[in-house]
C-alpha atoms as a PDB file:
ATOM      1  CA  MET A   1      30.304  11.086  16.305  1.00  0.00           C
ATOM      2  CA  GLY A   2      30.569  13.687  13.531  1.00  0.00           C
ATOM      3  CA  LYS A   3      27.797  15.368  11.585  1.00  0.00           C
ATOM      4  CA  PHE A   4      27.949  12.654   8.900  1.00  0.00           C
ATOM      5  CA  GLY A   5      27.582   9.868  11.466  1.00  0.00           C
ATOM      6  CA  ILE A   6      24.598  11.527  13.150  1.00  0.00           C
ATOM      7  CA  ALA A   7      22.895  12.164   9.789  1.00  0.00           C
ATOM      8  CA  THR A   8      23.489   8.568   8.725  1.00  0.00           C
ATOM      9  CA  LEU A   9      22.120   7.242  12.006  1.00  0.00           C
ATOM     10  CA  ALA A  10      19.037   9.475  11.721  1.00  0.00           C
ATOM     11  CA  ALA A  11      18.396   8.339   8.138  1.00  0.00           C
ATOM     12  CA  LEU A  12      18.696   4.659   9.076  1.00  0.00           C
ATOM     13  CA  LEU A  13      16.340   5.125  12.013  1.00  0.00           C
ATOM     14  CA  ALA A  14      13.775   6.922   9.813  1.00  0.00           C
ATOM     15  CA  LEU A  15      13.915   4.149   7.220  1.00  0.00           C
ATOM     16  CA  SER A  16      13.519   1.429   9.831  1.00  0.00           C
ATOM     17  CA  ILE A  17      10.238   2.875  11.156  1.00  0.00           C
ATOM     18  CA  ALA A  18       8.789   3.887   7.766  1.00  0.00           C
ATOM     19  CA  PRO A  19       5.690   1.926   6.707  1.00  0.00           C
ATOM     20  CA  ILE A  20       6.309  -0.796   4.157  1.00  0.00           C
ATOM     21  CA  ALA A  21       4.372  -0.518   0.892  1.00  0.00           C
ATOM     22  CA  VAL A  22       2.256  -3.572   0.172  1.00  0.00           C
ATOM     23  CA  ALA A  23       0.796  -2.718  -3.224  1.00  0.00           C
ATOM     24  CA  GLN A  24       0.260  -5.830  -5.280  1.00  0.00           C
ATOM     25  CA  THR A  25      -0.446  -5.493  -8.979  1.00  0.00           C
ATOM     26  CA  SER A  26       0.221  -7.854 -11.819  1.00  0.00           C
ATOM     27  CA  THR A  27       0.331  -7.569 -15.582  1.00  0.00           C
ATOM     28  CA  ILE A  28      -2.890  -8.802 -17.182  1.00  0.00           C
ATOM     29  CA  ALA A  29      -1.895  -8.312 -20.827  1.00  0.00           C
ATOM     30  CA  SER A  30       0.832  -6.669 -22.878  1.00  0.00           C
ATOM     31  CA  ALA A  31       1.220  -5.535 -26.473  1.00  0.00           C
ATOM     32  CA  GLY A  32       4.277  -3.718 -27.734  1.00  0.00           C
ATOM     33  CA  TYR A  33       5.190  -0.995 -25.251  1.00  0.00           C
ATOM     34  CA  TRP A  34       1.772  -1.249 -23.520  1.00  0.00           C
ATOM     35  CA  LYS A  35       0.854  -3.237 -20.391  1.00  0.00           C
ATOM     36  CA  ALA A  36      -2.520  -3.601 -18.672  1.00  0.00           C
ATOM     37  CA  PHE A  37      -2.377  -4.266 -14.947  1.00  0.00           C
ATOM     38  CA  GLY A  38      -4.666  -4.858 -11.999  1.00  0.00           C
ATOM     39  CA  GLY A  39      -4.490  -5.528  -8.303  1.00  0.00           C
ATOM     40  CA  ARG A  40      -4.580  -3.550  -5.074  1.00  0.00           C
ATOM     41  CA  SER A  41      -2.992  -0.280  -3.956  1.00  0.00           C
ATOM     42  CA  ASN A  42      -1.008   0.234  -0.729  1.00  0.00           C
ATOM     43  CA  ASP A  43      -4.218   0.694   1.278  1.00  0.00           C
ATOM     44  CA  GLY A  44      -5.942  -2.319  -0.318  1.00  0.00           C
ATOM     45  CA  THR A  45      -8.137  -0.405  -2.782  1.00  0.00           C
ATOM     46  CA  PRO A  46      -8.693  -2.291  -6.059  1.00  0.00           C
ATOM     47  CA  VAL A  47      -6.838  -0.596  -8.929  1.00  0.00           C
ATOM     48  CA  CYS A  48      -6.375  -1.224 -12.643  1.00  0.00           C
ATOM     49  CA  GLY A  49      -4.720   0.659 -15.447  1.00  0.00           C
ATOM     50  CA  MET A  50      -2.456   0.753 -18.446  1.00  0.00           C
ATOM     51  CA  SER A  51       1.111   1.887 -18.867  1.00  0.00           C
ATOM     52  CA  ALA A  52       3.586   2.321 -21.677  1.00  0.00           C
ATOM     53  CA  SER A  53       7.340   2.671 -21.435  1.00  0.00           C
ATOM     54  CA  GLY A  54      10.241   2.691 -23.791  1.00  0.00           C
ATOM     55  CA  LYS A  55      13.068   4.879 -25.038  1.00  0.00           C
ATOM     56  CA  GLY A  56      13.457   6.428 -21.578  1.00  0.00           C
ATOM     57  CA  LEU A  57       9.797   7.516 -21.335  1.00  0.00           C
ATOM     58  CA  PHE A  58       6.929   6.293 -19.141  1.00  0.00           C
ATOM     59  CA  PHE A  59       3.155   6.949 -19.245  1.00  0.00           C
ATOM     60  CA  SER A  60       0.529   5.443 -16.951  1.00  0.00           C
ATOM     61  CA  ILE A  61      -3.164   5.831 -16.215  1.00  0.00           C
ATOM     62  CA  LYS A  62      -4.807   4.243 -13.166  1.00  0.00           C
ATOM     63  CA  LEU A  63      -8.403   3.799 -12.058  1.00  0.00           C
ATOM     64  CA  TYR A  64      -9.170   3.199  -8.397  1.00  0.00           C
ATOM     65  CA  LYS A  65     -12.439   1.590  -7.273  1.00  0.00           C
ATOM     66  CA  ASN A  66     -15.020   4.225  -6.218  1.00  0.00           C
ATOM     67  CA  ASP A  67     -12.819   7.070  -7.500  1.00  0.00           C
ATOM     68  CA  ASP A  68     -15.468   8.070 -10.055  1.00  0.00           C
ATOM     69  CA  ARG A  69     -17.680   9.899  -7.583  1.00  0.00           C
END
């Protein structure tokens, strides 16, 4: 097995044992380029925020529960 085969095998193995992200958010409202969303982050923390995208640009702000301390 050449260097490429070993690297490919190592990458596939790393991906197979990587944790799977389970973040679940949904769009609450949208207006123009803007979207408001809410849900839970990968670790289950409640999160909400707003994002805007268009013309190849993206901007987002998020607020996590208890992150204001």
